[in-house]
Amino acid sequence: MHPRTMSDQAYDLRQLAMRFRPAPPSRVRRAAVLAVVGGTANVGATTVAMGLVAALAESGRQSLFVAADSCGAQTAMADQLLDAVDRRLIEAELVVFDAGYTINEAVGRICRRADRVLIVTTPEPSDVLNAFATIESLTAGAARGASGGVEDRKVPALPTAKHDSRFHLLINMSPSAAAADSAHARLAWAARRLLGVRLRSAGYIQREKAALPEGISRFCLNLRALSVDTIRELLVSDCLLNWR
């Protein structure tokens, strides 16, 4: 047997090093970002957002729920979260921001950078008006306070070029499909004529299955109804994952 040369040993060392070299990081696909916004208080936006995340989890899809309204006016925190999404540091197919119903600067930034904005309201006339005011605030850049009034502070408006594809409307607590269709038609007409926004329908949730913040047991019951029935009927989850 011939003695091993220095070149042979160097080759063996290179092979050994390659065996223990850390594998290159796999290319993580950028997560889709959805901002769920309540047209006003107590319309079930948070439960809808959590129900959507639960539905995705049941189907084996990775998602992340972020209570964005807890960020308050801390725009830096919101920007850091969204920067992590853009840099593909979050391994999830969908990031759902529960943006609450107070359109402050942080929520405005989230909605501006989200792939889609889901407005949640009910067929009640006052809730429909508040939902329109929310869309107007986001598109015009005016920040609404919790009382529904327009604050002096301004937030970044959504890019005009994306208006047609960013806004969807979900009617919650609807007594019937006809009532939901009527509410959507009124809002869609006003948004198109007055704001230049195409407001697409994300369907409706019937009153008996509605997402209502009425305590833990009621919340769990509605969450189960959303994840099993409503979300699949509306096909919201499939649509969201195709928004890229």
C-alpha atoms as a PDB file:
ATOM      1  CA  MET A   1       0.000   0.000   0.000  1.00  0.00           C
ATOM      2  CA  HIS A   2       1.392   3.374  -1.011  1.00  0.00           C
ATOM      3  CA  PRO A   3       1.835   5.902   1.760  1.00  0.00           C
ATOM      4  CA  ARG A   4      -0.730   8.697   1.707  1.00  0.00           C
ATOM      5  CA  THR A   5       0.571  11.923   0.289  1.00  0.00           C
ATOM      6  CA  MET A   6      -0.003  15.408   1.645  1.00  0.00           C
ATOM      7  CA  SER A   7      -2.458  16.057  -1.186  1.00  0.00           C
ATOM      8  CA  ASP A   8      -4.459  12.952  -0.211  1.00  0.00           C
ATOM      9  CA  GLN A   9      -4.664  14.095   3.382  1.00  0.00           C
ATOM     10  CA  ALA A  10      -5.700  17.586   2.311  1.00  0.00           C
ATOM     11  CA  TYR A  11      -8.459  16.066   0.170  1.00  0.00           C
ATOM     12  CA  ASP A  12      -9.699  13.995   3.121  1.00  0.00           C
ATOM     13  CA  LEU A  13      -9.733  17.059   5.350  1.00  0.00           C
ATOM     14  CA  ARG A  14     -11.753  19.012   2.778  1.00  0.00           C
ATOM     15  CA  GLN A  15     -14.261  16.183   2.526  1.00  0.00           C
ATOM     16  CA  LEU A  16     -14.544  15.998   6.312  1.00  0.00           C
ATOM     17  CA  ALA A  17     -15.053  19.756   6.532  1.00  0.00           C
ATOM     18  CA  MET A  18     -17.779  19.585   3.906  1.00  0.00           C
ATOM     19  CA  ARG A  19     -19.590  16.896   5.891  1.00  0.00           C
ATOM     20  CA  PHE A  20     -19.788  19.134   8.955  1.00  0.00           C
ATOM     21  CA  ARG A  21     -20.361  22.403   7.126  1.00  0.00           C
ATOM     22  CA  PRO A  22     -23.729  23.865   8.136  1.00  0.00           C
ATOM     23  CA  ALA A  23     -26.290  23.612   5.384  1.00  0.00           C
ATOM     24  CA  PRO A  24     -27.197  26.898   3.693  1.00  0.00           C
ATOM     25  CA  PRO A  25     -30.436  28.344   5.016  1.00  0.00           C
ATOM     26  CA  SER A  26     -33.434  27.357   2.951  1.00  0.00           C
ATOM     27  CA  ARG A  27     -35.272  30.088   1.123  1.00  0.00           C
ATOM     28  CA  VAL A  28     -38.253  30.987   3.279  1.00  0.00           C
ATOM     29  CA  ARG A  29     -41.198  32.284   1.339  1.00  0.00           C
ATOM     30  CA  ARG A  30     -42.429  35.677   2.450  1.00  0.00           C
ATOM     31  CA  ALA A  31     -45.520  35.431   4.614  1.00  0.00           C
ATOM     32  CA  ALA A  32     -48.705  37.074   3.384  1.00  0.00           C
ATOM     33  CA  VAL A  33     -49.867  39.864   5.689  1.00  0.00           C
ATOM     34  CA  LEU A  34     -53.513  40.456   6.550  1.00  0.00           C
ATOM     35  CA  ALA A  35     -54.747  43.363   8.664  1.00  0.00           C
ATOM     36  CA  VAL A  36     -58.161  42.741  10.233  1.00  0.00           C
ATOM     37  CA  VAL A  37     -59.846  46.026  11.141  1.00  0.00           C
ATOM     38  CA  GLY A  38     -63.124  46.510  12.978  1.00  0.00           C
ATOM     39  CA  GLY A  39     -65.383  49.190  11.568  1.00  0.00           C
ATOM     40  CA  THR A  40     -66.205  50.032  15.183  1.00  0.00           C
ATOM     41  CA  ALA A  41     -66.123  48.378  18.599  1.00  0.00           C
ATOM     42  CA  ASN A  42     -67.890  45.077  19.334  1.00  0.00           C
ATOM     43  CA  VAL A  43     -68.299  43.867  15.751  1.00  0.00           C
ATOM     44  CA  GLY A  44     -66.215  40.713  16.359  1.00  0.00           C
ATOM     45  CA  ALA A  45     -63.070  41.612  14.416  1.00  0.00           C
ATOM     46  CA  THR A  46     -60.722  40.020  16.955  1.00  0.00           C
ATOM     47  CA  THR A  47     -62.690  36.775  16.997  1.00  0.00           C
ATOM     48  CA  VAL A  48     -62.740  36.705  13.203  1.00  0.00           C
ATOM     49  CA  ALA A  49     -58.959  37.179  13.121  1.00  0.00           C
ATOM     50  CA  MET A  50     -58.367  34.425  15.682  1.00  0.00           C
ATOM     51  CA  GLY A  51     -60.866  32.142  13.960  1.00  0.00           C
ATOM     52  CA  LEU A  52     -58.996  32.530  10.699  1.00  0.00           C
ATOM     53  CA  VAL A  53     -55.686  31.631  12.350  1.00  0.00           C
ATOM     54  CA  ALA A  54     -57.331  28.631  14.025  1.00  0.00           C
ATOM     55  CA  ALA A  55     -58.781  27.490  10.694  1.00  0.00           C
ATOM     56  CA  LEU A  56     -55.363  27.646   9.076  1.00  0.00           C
ATOM     57  CA  ALA A  57     -53.838  25.694  11.964  1.00  0.00           C
ATOM     58  CA  GLU A  58     -56.504  22.999  11.604  1.00  0.00           C
ATOM     59  CA  SER A  59     -55.579  22.627   7.946  1.00  0.00           C
ATOM     60  CA  GLY A  60     -51.878  22.336   8.792  1.00  0.00           C
ATOM     61  CA  ARG A  61     -50.910  25.811   7.577  1.00  0.00           C
ATOM     62  CA  GLN A  62     -48.485  27.926   9.563  1.00  0.00           C
ATOM     63  CA  SER A  63     -49.810  31.304  10.653  1.00  0.00           C
ATOM     64  CA  LEU A  64     -49.066  33.982  13.221  1.00  0.00           C
ATOM     65  CA  PHE A  65     -51.551  36.113  15.164  1.00  0.00           C
ATOM     66  CA  VAL A  66     -50.434  39.585  16.256  1.00  0.00           C
ATOM     67  CA  ALA A  67     -52.572  41.821  18.474  1.00  0.00           C
ATOM     68  CA  ALA A  68     -51.533  44.977  16.671  1.00  0.00           C
ATOM     69  CA  ASP A  69     -53.823  47.259  18.633  1.00  0.00           C
ATOM     70  CA  SER A  70     -51.744  46.496  21.718  1.00  0.00           C
ATOM     71  CA  CYS A  71     -48.866  48.301  19.984  1.00  0.00           C
ATOM     72  CA  GLY A  72     -50.777  51.542  20.388  1.00  0.00           C
ATOM     73  CA  ALA A  73     -48.844  54.388  18.846  1.00  0.00           C
ATOM     74  CA  GLN A  74     -45.560  52.454  18.944  1.00  0.00           C
ATOM     75  CA  THR A  75     -44.953  52.579  15.218  1.00  0.00           C
ATOM     76  CA  ALA A  76     -41.403  51.282  15.666  1.00  0.00           C
ATOM     77  CA  MET A  77     -42.742  47.959  16.986  1.00  0.00           C
ATOM     78  CA  ALA A  78     -45.127  47.636  14.048  1.00  0.00           C
ATOM     79  CA  ASP A  79     -42.349  48.461  11.585  1.00  0.00           C
ATOM     80  CA  GLN A  80     -40.026  45.906  13.174  1.00  0.00           C
ATOM     81  CA  LEU A  81     -42.621  43.166  12.826  1.00  0.00           C
ATOM     82  CA  LEU A  82     -43.256  44.027   9.188  1.00  0.00           C
ATOM     83  CA  ASP A  83     -39.538  44.313   8.464  1.00  0.00           C
ATOM     84  CA  ALA A  84     -39.124  40.788   9.842  1.00  0.00           C
ATOM     85  CA  VAL A  85     -41.813  39.626   7.402  1.00  0.00           C
ATOM     86  CA  ASP A  86     -40.126  41.354   4.468  1.00  0.00           C
ATOM     87  CA  ARG A  87     -36.751  39.854   5.424  1.00  0.00           C
ATOM     88  CA  ARG A  88     -38.367  36.402   5.601  1.00  0.00           C
ATOM     89  CA  LEU A  89     -37.439  35.969   9.241  1.00  0.00           C
ATOM     90  CA  ILE A  90     -40.940  34.747  10.119  1.00  0.00           C
ATOM     91  CA  GLU A  91     -41.622  31.180   9.016  1.00  0.00           C
ATOM     92  CA  ALA A  92     -45.361  31.384   8.456  1.00  0.00           C
ATOM     93  CA  GLU A  93     -47.648  31.418   5.460  1.00  0.00           C
ATOM     94  CA  LEU A  94     -49.849  34.139   6.867  1.00  0.00           C
ATOM     95  CA  VAL A  95     -49.411  36.857   9.490  1.00  0.00           C
ATOM     96  CA  VAL A  96     -52.741  38.140  10.806  1.00  0.00           C
ATOM     97  CA  PHE A  97     -52.678  41.531  12.501  1.00  0.00           C
ATOM     98  CA  ASP A  98     -55.663  42.222  14.736  1.00  0.00           C
ATOM     99  CA  ALA A  99     -55.659  45.975  14.141  1.00  0.00           C
ATOM    100  CA  GLY A 100     -58.586  46.820  16.392  1.00  0.00           C
ATOM    101  CA  TYR A 101     -60.873  49.691  15.453  1.00  0.00           C
ATOM    102  CA  THR A 102     -58.842  52.742  16.487  1.00  0.00           C
ATOM    103  CA  ILE A 103     -56.885  53.924  13.468  1.00  0.00           C
ATOM    104  CA  ASN A 104     -53.745  55.346  15.034  1.00  0.00           C
ATOM    105  CA  GLU A 105     -50.352  55.769  13.412  1.00  0.00           C
ATOM    106  CA  ALA A 106     -49.190  52.216  14.130  1.00  0.00           C
ATOM    107  CA  VAL A 107     -52.358  50.657  12.694  1.00  0.00           C
ATOM    108  CA  GLY A 108     -52.147  52.955   9.681  1.00  0.00           C
ATOM    109  CA  ARG A 109     -48.629  51.758   8.949  1.00  0.00           C
ATOM    110  CA  ILE A 110     -49.643  48.126   9.302  1.00  0.00           C
ATOM    111  CA  CYS A 111     -52.572  48.564   6.916  1.00  0.00           C
ATOM    112  CA  ARG A 112     -50.410  50.447   4.439  1.00  0.00           C
ATOM    113  CA  ARG A 113     -47.890  47.600   4.287  1.00  0.00           C
ATOM    114  CA  ALA A 114     -50.360  44.705   4.518  1.00  0.00           C
ATOM    115  CA  ASP A 115     -51.127  42.617   1.451  1.00  0.00           C
ATOM    116  CA  ARG A 116     -54.826  42.779   2.281  1.00  0.00           C
ATOM    117  CA  VAL A 117     -57.056  44.697   4.679  1.00  0.00           C
ATOM    118  CA  LEU A 118     -60.182  42.917   5.931  1.00  0.00           C
ATOM    119  CA  ILE A 119     -62.848  45.288   7.267  1.00  0.00           C
ATOM    120  CA  VAL A 120     -65.305  43.652   9.692  1.00  0.00           C
ATOM    121  CA  THR A 121     -68.699  45.211  10.394  1.00  0.00           C
ATOM    122  CA  THR A 122     -72.358  44.290  10.912  1.00  0.00           C
ATOM    123  CA  PRO A 123     -75.449  45.176   8.845  1.00  0.00           C
ATOM    124  CA  GLU A 124     -76.544  47.760  11.433  1.00  0.00           C
ATOM    125  CA  PRO A 125     -76.748  51.217   9.780  1.00  0.00           C
ATOM    126  CA  SER A 126     -74.513  52.845  12.405  1.00  0.00           C
ATOM    127  CA  ASP A 127     -71.885  50.111  12.021  1.00  0.00           C
ATOM    128  CA  VAL A 128     -71.980  50.473   8.236  1.00  0.00           C
ATOM    129  CA  LEU A 129     -71.348  54.217   8.589  1.00  0.00           C
ATOM    130  CA  ASN A 130     -68.472  53.579  10.982  1.00  0.00           C
ATOM    131  CA  ALA A 131     -66.967  51.050   8.575  1.00  0.00           C
ATOM    132  CA  PHE A 132     -67.062  53.651   5.814  1.00  0.00           C
ATOM    133  CA  ALA A 133     -65.363  56.159   8.128  1.00  0.00           C
ATOM    134  CA  THR A 134     -62.655  53.582   8.849  1.00  0.00           C
ATOM    135  CA  ILE A 135     -61.975  53.014   5.152  1.00  0.00           C
ATOM    136  CA  GLU A 136     -61.977  56.762   4.576  1.00  0.00           C
ATOM    137  CA  SER A 137     -59.491  57.247   7.420  1.00  0.00           C
ATOM    138  CA  LEU A 138     -57.138  54.630   6.014  1.00  0.00           C
ATOM    139  CA  THR A 139     -57.273  55.858   2.437  1.00  0.00           C
ATOM    140  CA  ALA A 140     -57.133  59.549   3.320  1.00  0.00           C
ATOM    141  CA  GLY A 141     -54.512  59.092   6.029  1.00  0.00           C
ATOM    142  CA  ALA A 142     -56.601  60.601   8.831  1.00  0.00           C
ATOM    143  CA  ALA A 143     -56.379  58.868  12.207  1.00  0.00           C
ATOM    144  CA  ARG A 144     -59.613  58.198  14.042  1.00  0.00           C
ATOM    145  CA  GLY A 145     -59.779  58.101  17.797  1.00  0.00           C
ATOM    146  CA  ALA A 146     -61.679  55.518  19.775  1.00  0.00           C
ATOM    147  CA  SER A 147     -64.690  57.830  19.827  1.00  0.00           C
ATOM    148  CA  GLY A 148     -64.860  57.739  16.047  1.00  0.00           C
ATOM    149  CA  GLY A 149     -63.768  61.332  15.599  1.00  0.00           C
ATOM    150  CA  VAL A 150     -60.944  62.407  13.332  1.00  0.00           C
ATOM    151  CA  GLU A 151     -57.750  63.234  15.181  1.00  0.00           C
ATOM    152  CA  ASP A 152     -55.292  65.917  14.132  1.00  0.00           C
ATOM    153  CA  ARG A 153     -52.535  63.332  13.754  1.00  0.00           C
ATOM    154  CA  LYS A 154     -52.124  61.908  10.270  1.00  0.00           C
ATOM    155  CA  VAL A 155     -51.209  58.369   9.306  1.00  0.00           C
ATOM    156  CA  PRO A 156     -49.795  57.174   5.985  1.00  0.00           C
ATOM    157  CA  ALA A 157     -52.515  56.601   3.412  1.00  0.00           C
ATOM    158  CA  LEU A 158     -52.684  53.345   1.493  1.00  0.00           C
ATOM    159  CA  PRO A 159     -51.100  53.522  -1.963  1.00  0.00           C
ATOM    160  CA  THR A 160     -53.721  54.449  -4.548  1.00  0.00           C
ATOM    161  CA  ALA A 161     -52.525  51.807  -6.986  1.00  0.00           C
ATOM    162  CA  LYS A 162     -53.421  49.040  -4.532  1.00  0.00           C
ATOM    163  CA  HIS A 163     -56.858  50.213  -3.480  1.00  0.00           C
ATOM    164  CA  ASP A 164     -58.709  47.891  -5.836  1.00  0.00           C
ATOM    165  CA  SER A 165     -57.062  44.756  -4.498  1.00  0.00           C
ATOM    166  CA  ARG A 166     -56.403  45.487  -0.823  1.00  0.00           C
ATOM    167  CA  PHE A 167     -59.830  45.997   0.754  1.00  0.00           C
ATOM    168  CA  HIS A 168     -62.272  43.199   1.565  1.00  0.00           C
ATOM    169  CA  LEU A 169     -65.435  43.428   3.656  1.00  0.00           C
ATOM    170  CA  LEU A 170     -66.788  40.751   6.011  1.00  0.00           C
ATOM    171  CA  ILE A 171     -70.315  41.232   7.367  1.00  0.00           C
ATOM    172  CA  ASN A 172     -70.610  39.709  10.853  1.00  0.00           C
ATOM    173  CA  MET A 173     -73.763  39.010  12.904  1.00  0.00           C
ATOM    174  CA  SER A 174     -75.993  39.134   9.826  1.00  0.00           C
ATOM    175  CA  PRO A 175     -79.577  37.817  10.133  1.00  0.00           C
ATOM    176  CA  SER A 176     -79.534  36.687   6.497  1.00  0.00           C
ATOM    177  CA  ALA A 177     -77.577  36.650   3.273  1.00  0.00           C
ATOM    178  CA  ALA A 178     -79.845  39.373   1.905  1.00  0.00           C
ATOM    179  CA  ALA A 179     -79.024  41.704   4.807  1.00  0.00           C
ATOM    180  CA  ALA A 180     -75.300  41.099   4.319  1.00  0.00           C
ATOM    181  CA  ASP A 181     -75.533  41.671   0.566  1.00  0.00           C
ATOM    182  CA  SER A 182     -77.417  44.916   1.142  1.00  0.00           C
ATOM    183  CA  ALA A 183     -74.821  46.192   3.619  1.00  0.00           C
ATOM    184  CA  HIS A 184     -71.972  45.297   1.288  1.00  0.00           C
ATOM    185  CA  ALA A 185     -73.703  46.909  -1.684  1.00  0.00           C
ATOM    186  CA  ARG A 186     -74.181  50.186   0.206  1.00  0.00           C
ATOM    187  CA  LEU A 187     -70.611  50.281   1.435  1.00  0.00           C
ATOM    188  CA  ALA A 188     -69.133  49.211  -1.896  1.00  0.00           C
ATOM    189  CA  TRP A 189     -71.097  51.900  -3.750  1.00  0.00           C
ATOM    190  CA  ALA A 190     -70.014  54.639  -1.327  1.00  0.00           C
ATOM    191  CA  ALA A 191     -66.388  53.489  -1.310  1.00  0.00           C
ATOM    192  CA  ARG A 192     -66.246  53.411  -5.098  1.00  0.00           C
ATOM    193  CA  ARG A 193     -68.043  56.722  -5.703  1.00  0.00           C
ATOM    194  CA  LEU A 194     -66.589  58.765  -2.855  1.00  0.00           C
ATOM    195  CA  LEU A 195     -63.178  57.203  -2.214  1.00  0.00           C
ATOM    196  CA  GLY A 196     -62.268  55.489  -5.471  1.00  0.00           C
ATOM    197  CA  VAL A 197     -61.914  52.180  -3.604  1.00  0.00           C
ATOM    198  CA  ARG A 198     -63.157  48.826  -4.850  1.00  0.00           C
ATOM    199  CA  LEU A 199     -64.460  47.052  -1.755  1.00  0.00           C
ATOM    200  CA  ARG A 200     -64.617  43.322  -2.383  1.00  0.00           C
ATOM    201  CA  SER A 201     -66.877  40.981  -0.459  1.00  0.00           C
ATOM    202  CA  ALA A 202     -65.379  38.395   1.895  1.00  0.00           C
ATOM    203  CA  GLY A 203     -68.839  37.013   2.616  1.00  0.00           C
ATOM    204  CA  TYR A 204     -70.813  37.075   5.849  1.00  0.00           C
ATOM    205  CA  ILE A 205     -71.262  35.263   9.150  1.00  0.00           C
ATOM    206  CA  GLN A 206     -74.809  34.478  10.226  1.00  0.00           C
ATOM    207  CA  ARG A 207     -75.998  35.786  13.564  1.00  0.00           C
ATOM    208  CA  GLU A 208     -76.261  32.314  15.131  1.00  0.00           C
ATOM    209  CA  LYS A 209     -72.631  31.629  14.170  1.00  0.00           C
ATOM    210  CA  ALA A 210     -71.445  35.169  14.721  1.00  0.00           C
ATOM    211  CA  ALA A 211     -68.142  36.082  16.283  1.00  0.00           C
ATOM    212  CA  LEU A 212     -69.271  37.786  19.480  1.00  0.00           C
ATOM    213  CA  PRO A 213     -66.974  38.831  22.349  1.00  0.00           C
ATOM    214  CA  GLU A 214     -69.317  37.555  25.072  1.00  0.00           C
ATOM    215  CA  GLY A 215     -67.066  35.641  27.430  1.00  0.00           C
ATOM    216  CA  ILE A 216     -64.790  32.634  27.279  1.00  0.00           C
ATOM    217  CA  SER A 217     -67.350  29.874  26.694  1.00  0.00           C
ATOM    218  CA  ARG A 218     -69.221  31.866  24.070  1.00  0.00           C
ATOM    219  CA  PHE A 219     -65.925  32.895  22.496  1.00  0.00           C
ATOM    220  CA  CYS A 220     -64.728  29.288  22.202  1.00  0.00           C
ATOM    221  CA  LEU A 221     -68.049  28.211  20.707  1.00  0.00           C
ATOM    222  CA  ASN A 222     -67.874  30.924  18.058  1.00  0.00           C
ATOM    223  CA  LEU A 223     -64.210  30.241  17.376  1.00  0.00           C
ATOM    224  CA  ARG A 224     -65.082  26.606  16.700  1.00  0.00           C
ATOM    225  CA  ALA A 225     -67.933  27.624  14.406  1.00  0.00           C
ATOM    226  CA  LEU A 226     -65.669  29.983  12.506  1.00  0.00           C
ATOM    227  CA  SER A 227     -62.842  27.515  12.069  1.00  0.00           C
ATOM    228  CA  VAL A 228     -64.986  24.577  11.000  1.00  0.00           C
ATOM    229  CA  ASP A 229     -67.846  26.101   9.044  1.00  0.00           C
ATOM    230  CA  THR A 230     -67.683  29.769   8.225  1.00  0.00           C
ATOM    231  CA  ILE A 231     -64.088  30.162   7.091  1.00  0.00           C
ATOM    232  CA  ARG A 232     -64.299  27.115   4.853  1.00  0.00           C
ATOM    233  CA  GLU A 233     -67.601  28.271   3.373  1.00  0.00           C
ATOM    234  CA  LEU A 234     -66.159  31.687   2.592  1.00  0.00           C
ATOM    235  CA  LEU A 235     -62.850  30.185   1.392  1.00  0.00           C
ATOM    236  CA  VAL A 236     -61.110  33.119   3.025  1.00  0.00           C
ATOM    237  CA  SER A 237     -58.052  31.104   4.008  1.00  0.00           C
ATOM    238  CA  ASP A 238     -57.457  29.806   0.476  1.00  0.00           C
ATOM    239  CA  CYS A 239     -57.883  33.299  -0.954  1.00  0.00           C
ATOM    240  CA  LEU A 240     -55.423  34.760   1.529  1.00  0.00           C
ATOM    241  CA  LEU A 241     -52.730  32.242   0.727  1.00  0.00           C
ATOM    242  CA  ASN A 242     -53.116  33.017  -2.984  1.00  0.00           C
ATOM    243  CA  TRP A 243     -52.838  36.773  -2.498  1.00  0.00           C
ATOM    244  CA  ARG A 244     -49.114  36.691  -3.150  1.00  0.00           C
END
